Amino acid sequence: MASEHLTERHLREVLAELVTNTSRFTRLASSIATDDRPRAWMRALSHLDEYGALRISEFARIDRCSQPTATALLKQITDAGLAGRHRDPADSRAVVVEMTEAGRHWLGEARAEIGTALAAHLGDLEPEQIERLSQSLADLRAAIKASTQR
């Protein structure tokens, strides 16, 4: 029983370290990229890319920000033509925000810039190693998403 408890504790510690390392990696990658795209816009568009059209309140929940912060951020990307707003068909009082084709293009370019910037610093790693890391993170994400949708 004691070793089972240690295993669970160790797993929690490793998962916490994984989250810390992925957050640090994301911030480092953003700081290395040479583009001038706002990272908050990239984060917002990434949410819309992953979840599709969202009510502002749902965006705020996913992004872990206040509704006024979400409203301001989504207004910025909407004003830039990267997202569109329309009334929620299920509730005409609510607004839904959805990424536009221009937003998809902008996000794709931003991601490509970060990939290019990182590649210049990872010449000592084998491409297969990087692919395995990426796939492992995708597998973890899929497992967590699947368990939260039950």
C-alpha atoms as a PDB file:
ATOM      1  CA  MET A   1       0.000   0.000   0.000  1.00  0.00           C
ATOM      2  CA  ALA A   2       2.831   2.425   0.829  1.00  0.00           C
ATOM      3  CA  SER A   3       4.514   1.907  -2.555  1.00  0.00           C
ATOM      4  CA  GLU A   4       1.164   2.461  -4.327  1.00  0.00           C
ATOM      5  CA  HIS A   5       0.796   5.782  -2.474  1.00  0.00           C
ATOM      6  CA  LEU A   6       4.341   6.784  -3.445  1.00  0.00           C
ATOM      7  CA  THR A   7       3.628   5.875  -7.048  1.00  0.00           C
ATOM      8  CA  GLU A   8       0.517   8.081  -7.081  1.00  0.00           C
ATOM      9  CA  ARG A   9       2.443  10.899  -5.396  1.00  0.00           C
ATOM     10  CA  HIS A  10       5.309  10.527  -7.853  1.00  0.00           C
ATOM     11  CA  LEU A  11       2.863  10.586 -10.779  1.00  0.00           C
ATOM     12  CA  ARG A  12       1.310  13.824  -9.484  1.00  0.00           C
ATOM     13  CA  GLU A  13       4.787  15.355  -9.120  1.00  0.00           C
ATOM     14  CA  VAL A  14       5.806  14.297 -12.625  1.00  0.00           C
ATOM     15  CA  LEU A  15       2.571  15.671 -14.099  1.00  0.00           C
ATOM     16  CA  ALA A  16       3.052  18.985 -12.276  1.00  0.00           C
ATOM     17  CA  GLU A  17       6.605  19.174 -13.631  1.00  0.00           C
ATOM     18  CA  LEU A  18       5.317  18.345 -17.121  1.00  0.00           C
ATOM     19  CA  VAL A  19       2.873  21.260 -16.981  1.00  0.00           C
ATOM     20  CA  THR A  20       5.636  23.551 -15.696  1.00  0.00           C
ATOM     21  CA  ASN A  21       8.020  22.483 -18.444  1.00  0.00           C
ATOM     22  CA  THR A  22       5.458  22.808 -21.231  1.00  0.00           C
ATOM     23  CA  SER A  23       4.499  26.287 -20.012  1.00  0.00           C
ATOM     24  CA  ARG A  24       8.143  27.320 -19.867  1.00  0.00           C
ATOM     25  CA  PHE A  25       8.745  25.838 -23.312  1.00  0.00           C
ATOM     26  CA  THR A  26       5.793  27.777 -24.756  1.00  0.00           C
ATOM     27  CA  ARG A  27       7.022  31.053 -23.261  1.00  0.00           C
ATOM     28  CA  LEU A  28      10.580  30.402 -24.455  1.00  0.00           C
ATOM     29  CA  ALA A  29       9.366  29.532 -27.957  1.00  0.00           C
ATOM     30  CA  SER A  30       7.347  32.750 -28.094  1.00  0.00           C
ATOM     31  CA  SER A  31      10.326  34.812 -26.952  1.00  0.00           C
ATOM     32  CA  ILE A  32      12.605  33.290 -29.611  1.00  0.00           C
ATOM     33  CA  ALA A  33      10.201  33.911 -32.505  1.00  0.00           C
ATOM     34  CA  THR A  34      10.978  37.084 -34.410  1.00  0.00           C
ATOM     35  CA  ASP A  35       7.456  38.018 -35.470  1.00  0.00           C
ATOM     36  CA  ASP A  36       5.534  40.809 -33.782  1.00  0.00           C
ATOM     37  CA  ARG A  37       2.181  39.042 -33.477  1.00  0.00           C
ATOM     38  CA  PRO A  38       0.484  39.483 -30.095  1.00  0.00           C
ATOM     39  CA  ARG A  39       0.672  36.192 -28.205  1.00  0.00           C
ATOM     40  CA  ALA A  40      -2.684  36.885 -26.549  1.00  0.00           C
ATOM     41  CA  TRP A  41      -4.239  36.930 -30.035  1.00  0.00           C
ATOM     42  CA  MET A  42      -2.495  33.669 -30.843  1.00  0.00           C
ATOM     43  CA  ARG A  43      -3.830  32.105 -27.650  1.00  0.00           C
ATOM     44  CA  ALA A  44      -7.361  33.354 -28.354  1.00  0.00           C
ATOM     45  CA  LEU A  45      -7.322  32.095 -31.937  1.00  0.00           C
ATOM     46  CA  SER A  46      -5.903  28.764 -30.758  1.00  0.00           C
ATOM     47  CA  HIS A  47      -8.911  28.354 -28.460  1.00  0.00           C
ATOM     48  CA  LEU A  48     -11.288  29.130 -31.324  1.00  0.00           C
ATOM     49  CA  ASP A  49      -9.348  26.733 -33.547  1.00  0.00           C
ATOM     50  CA  GLU A  50      -9.638  23.935 -31.004  1.00  0.00           C
ATOM     51  CA  TYR A  51     -13.171  24.496 -29.692  1.00  0.00           C
ATOM     52  CA  GLY A  52     -14.908  26.204 -32.606  1.00  0.00           C
ATOM     53  CA  ALA A  53     -17.405  29.016 -32.122  1.00  0.00           C
ATOM     54  CA  LEU A  54     -17.656  30.038 -28.467  1.00  0.00           C
ATOM     55  CA  ARG A  55     -19.801  32.281 -26.332  1.00  0.00           C
ATOM     56  CA  ILE A  56     -17.723  34.905 -24.578  1.00  0.00           C
ATOM     57  CA  SER A  57     -18.478  33.362 -21.178  1.00  0.00           C
ATOM     58  CA  GLU A  58     -17.309  29.946 -22.383  1.00  0.00           C
ATOM     59  CA  PHE A  59     -14.152  31.469 -23.876  1.00  0.00           C
ATOM     60  CA  ALA A  60     -13.449  33.152 -20.511  1.00  0.00           C
ATOM     61  CA  ARG A  61     -13.882  29.826 -18.702  1.00  0.00           C
ATOM     62  CA  ILE A  62     -11.536  28.005 -21.082  1.00  0.00           C
ATOM     63  CA  ASP A  63      -8.957  30.814 -21.050  1.00  0.00           C
ATOM     64  CA  ARG A  64      -9.254  31.197 -17.273  1.00  0.00           C
ATOM     65  CA  CYS A  65      -9.825  34.938 -17.485  1.00  0.00           C
ATOM     66  CA  SER A  66     -12.592  37.316 -16.488  1.00  0.00           C
ATOM     67  CA  GLN A  67     -15.488  37.944 -18.851  1.00  0.00           C
ATOM     68  CA  PRO A  68     -14.447  41.625 -19.322  1.00  0.00           C
ATOM     69  CA  THR A  69     -10.912  40.486 -20.240  1.00  0.00           C
ATOM     70  CA  ALA A  70     -12.311  37.918 -22.691  1.00  0.00           C
ATOM     71  CA  THR A  71     -14.639  40.536 -24.194  1.00  0.00           C
ATOM     72  CA  ALA A  72     -11.751  42.979 -24.739  1.00  0.00           C
ATOM     73  CA  LEU A  73      -9.458  40.328 -26.255  1.00  0.00           C
ATOM     74  CA  LEU A  74     -12.149  38.966 -28.552  1.00  0.00           C
ATOM     75  CA  LYS A  75     -13.041  42.511 -29.630  1.00  0.00           C
ATOM     76  CA  GLN A  76      -9.418  43.079 -30.660  1.00  0.00           C
ATOM     77  CA  ILE A  77      -9.276  39.998 -32.861  1.00  0.00           C
ATOM     78  CA  THR A  78     -12.739  40.717 -34.249  1.00  0.00           C
ATOM     79  CA  ASP A  79     -11.766  44.309 -35.086  1.00  0.00           C
ATOM     80  CA  ALA A  80      -8.676  42.916 -36.862  1.00  0.00           C
ATOM     81  CA  GLY A  81     -10.917  40.659 -38.991  1.00  0.00           C
ATOM     82  CA  LEU A  82      -9.496  37.469 -37.457  1.00  0.00           C
ATOM     83  CA  ALA A  83     -12.809  36.473 -35.863  1.00  0.00           C
ATOM     84  CA  GLY A  84     -16.459  37.264 -36.379  1.00  0.00           C
ATOM     85  CA  ARG A  85     -19.280  37.835 -33.902  1.00  0.00           C
ATOM     86  CA  HIS A  86     -22.887  36.801 -34.263  1.00  0.00           C
ATOM     87  CA  ARG A  87     -25.881  36.151 -32.062  1.00  0.00           C
ATOM     88  CA  ASP A  88     -26.132  32.719 -30.510  1.00  0.00           C
ATOM     89  CA  PRO A  89     -29.002  30.930 -32.299  1.00  0.00           C
ATOM     90  CA  ALA A  90     -29.928  29.238 -29.004  1.00  0.00           C
ATOM     91  CA  ASP A  91     -30.049  32.534 -27.059  1.00  0.00           C
ATOM     92  CA  SER A  92     -30.357  35.822 -28.930  1.00  0.00           C
ATOM     93  CA  ARG A  93     -29.033  37.718 -25.883  1.00  0.00           C
ATOM     94  CA  ALA A  94     -25.657  35.974 -26.159  1.00  0.00           C
ATOM     95  CA  VAL A  95     -22.847  36.565 -28.631  1.00  0.00           C
ATOM     96  CA  VAL A  96     -20.790  33.807 -30.257  1.00  0.00           C
ATOM     97  CA  VAL A  97     -17.286  34.419 -31.602  1.00  0.00           C
ATOM     98  CA  GLU A  98     -15.857  32.316 -34.424  1.00  0.00           C
ATOM     99  CA  MET A  99     -12.510  32.377 -36.228  1.00  0.00           C
ATOM    100  CA  THR A 100     -12.538  33.663 -39.822  1.00  0.00           C
ATOM    101  CA  GLU A 101     -10.448  32.359 -42.708  1.00  0.00           C
ATOM    102  CA  ALA A 102      -8.171  35.374 -42.187  1.00  0.00           C
ATOM    103  CA  GLY A 103      -7.801  34.240 -38.561  1.00  0.00           C
ATOM    104  CA  ARG A 104      -6.890  30.708 -39.662  1.00  0.00           C
ATOM    105  CA  HIS A 105      -4.287  32.107 -42.022  1.00  0.00           C
ATOM    106  CA  TRP A 106      -2.883  34.459 -39.346  1.00  0.00           C
ATOM    107  CA  LEU A 107      -2.683  31.636 -36.790  1.00  0.00           C
ATOM    108  CA  GLY A 108      -1.012  29.307 -39.290  1.00  0.00           C
ATOM    109  CA  GLU A 109       1.614  31.927 -40.088  1.00  0.00           C
ATOM    110  CA  ALA A 110       2.229  32.601 -36.384  1.00  0.00           C
ATOM    111  CA  ARG A 111       2.686  28.902 -35.667  1.00  0.00           C
ATOM    112  CA  ALA A 112       4.996  28.498 -38.665  1.00  0.00           C
ATOM    113  CA  GLU A 113       7.138  31.407 -37.448  1.00  0.00           C
ATOM    114  CA  ILE A 114       7.537  29.811 -34.043  1.00  0.00           C
ATOM    115  CA  GLY A 115       8.396  26.465 -35.652  1.00  0.00           C
ATOM    116  CA  THR A 116      11.022  28.097 -37.863  1.00  0.00           C
ATOM    117  CA  ALA A 117      12.543  29.969 -34.934  1.00  0.00           C
ATOM    118  CA  LEU A 118      12.704  26.825 -32.790  1.00  0.00           C
ATOM    119  CA  ALA A 119      14.182  24.668 -35.561  1.00  0.00           C
ATOM    120  CA  ALA A 120      17.209  26.939 -35.676  1.00  0.00           C
ATOM    121  CA  HIS A 121      17.956  26.006 -32.041  1.00  0.00           C
ATOM    122  CA  LEU A 122      17.285  22.264 -32.146  1.00  0.00           C
ATOM    123  CA  GLY A 123      19.836  21.040 -34.651  1.00  0.00           C
ATOM    124  CA  ASP A 124      21.337  18.614 -32.120  1.00  0.00           C
ATOM    125  CA  LEU A 125      18.073  16.701 -31.755  1.00  0.00           C
ATOM    126  CA  GLU A 126      16.877  14.084 -34.215  1.00  0.00           C
ATOM    127  CA  PRO A 127      13.597  14.958 -35.984  1.00  0.00           C
ATOM    128  CA  GLU A 128      12.184  11.602 -34.810  1.00  0.00           C
ATOM    129  CA  GLN A 129      12.830  12.582 -31.172  1.00  0.00           C
ATOM    130  CA  ILE A 130      10.911  15.824 -31.626  1.00  0.00           C
ATOM    131  CA  GLU A 131       8.082  13.945 -33.368  1.00  0.00           C
ATOM    132  CA  ARG A 132       7.867  11.497 -30.430  1.00  0.00           C
ATOM    133  CA  LEU A 133       7.705  14.371 -27.939  1.00  0.00           C
ATOM    134  CA  SER A 134       4.966  16.051 -29.941  1.00  0.00           C
ATOM    135  CA  GLN A 135       2.982  12.820 -30.285  1.00  0.00           C
ATOM    136  CA  SER A 136       3.364  12.047 -26.582  1.00  0.00           C
ATOM    137  CA  LEU A 137       1.942  15.452 -25.655  1.00  0.00           C
ATOM    138  CA  ALA A 138      -0.910  14.954 -28.128  1.00  0.00           C
ATOM    139  CA  ASP A 139      -1.621  11.549 -26.548  1.00  0.00           C
ATOM    140  CA  LEU A 140      -1.691  13.040 -23.036  1.00  0.00           C
ATOM    141  CA  ARG A 141      -3.995  15.844 -24.180  1.00  0.00           C
ATOM    142  CA  ALA A 142      -6.352  13.374 -25.881  1.00  0.00           C
ATOM    143  CA  ALA A 143      -6.482  11.158 -22.780  1.00  0.00           C
ATOM    144  CA  ILE A 144      -7.348  14.095 -20.543  1.00  0.00           C
ATOM    145  CA  LYS A 145      -9.973  15.440 -22.971  1.00  0.00           C
ATOM    146  CA  ALA A 146     -11.545  11.980 -23.244  1.00  0.00           C
ATOM    147  CA  SER A 147     -11.753  11.591 -19.476  1.00  0.00           C
ATOM    148  CA  THR A 148     -13.363  15.024 -19.027  1.00  0.00           C
ATOM    149  CA  GLN A 149     -16.062  14.283 -21.615  1.00  0.00           C
ATOM    150  CA  ARG A 150     -17.380  11.161 -19.944  1.00  0.00           C
END
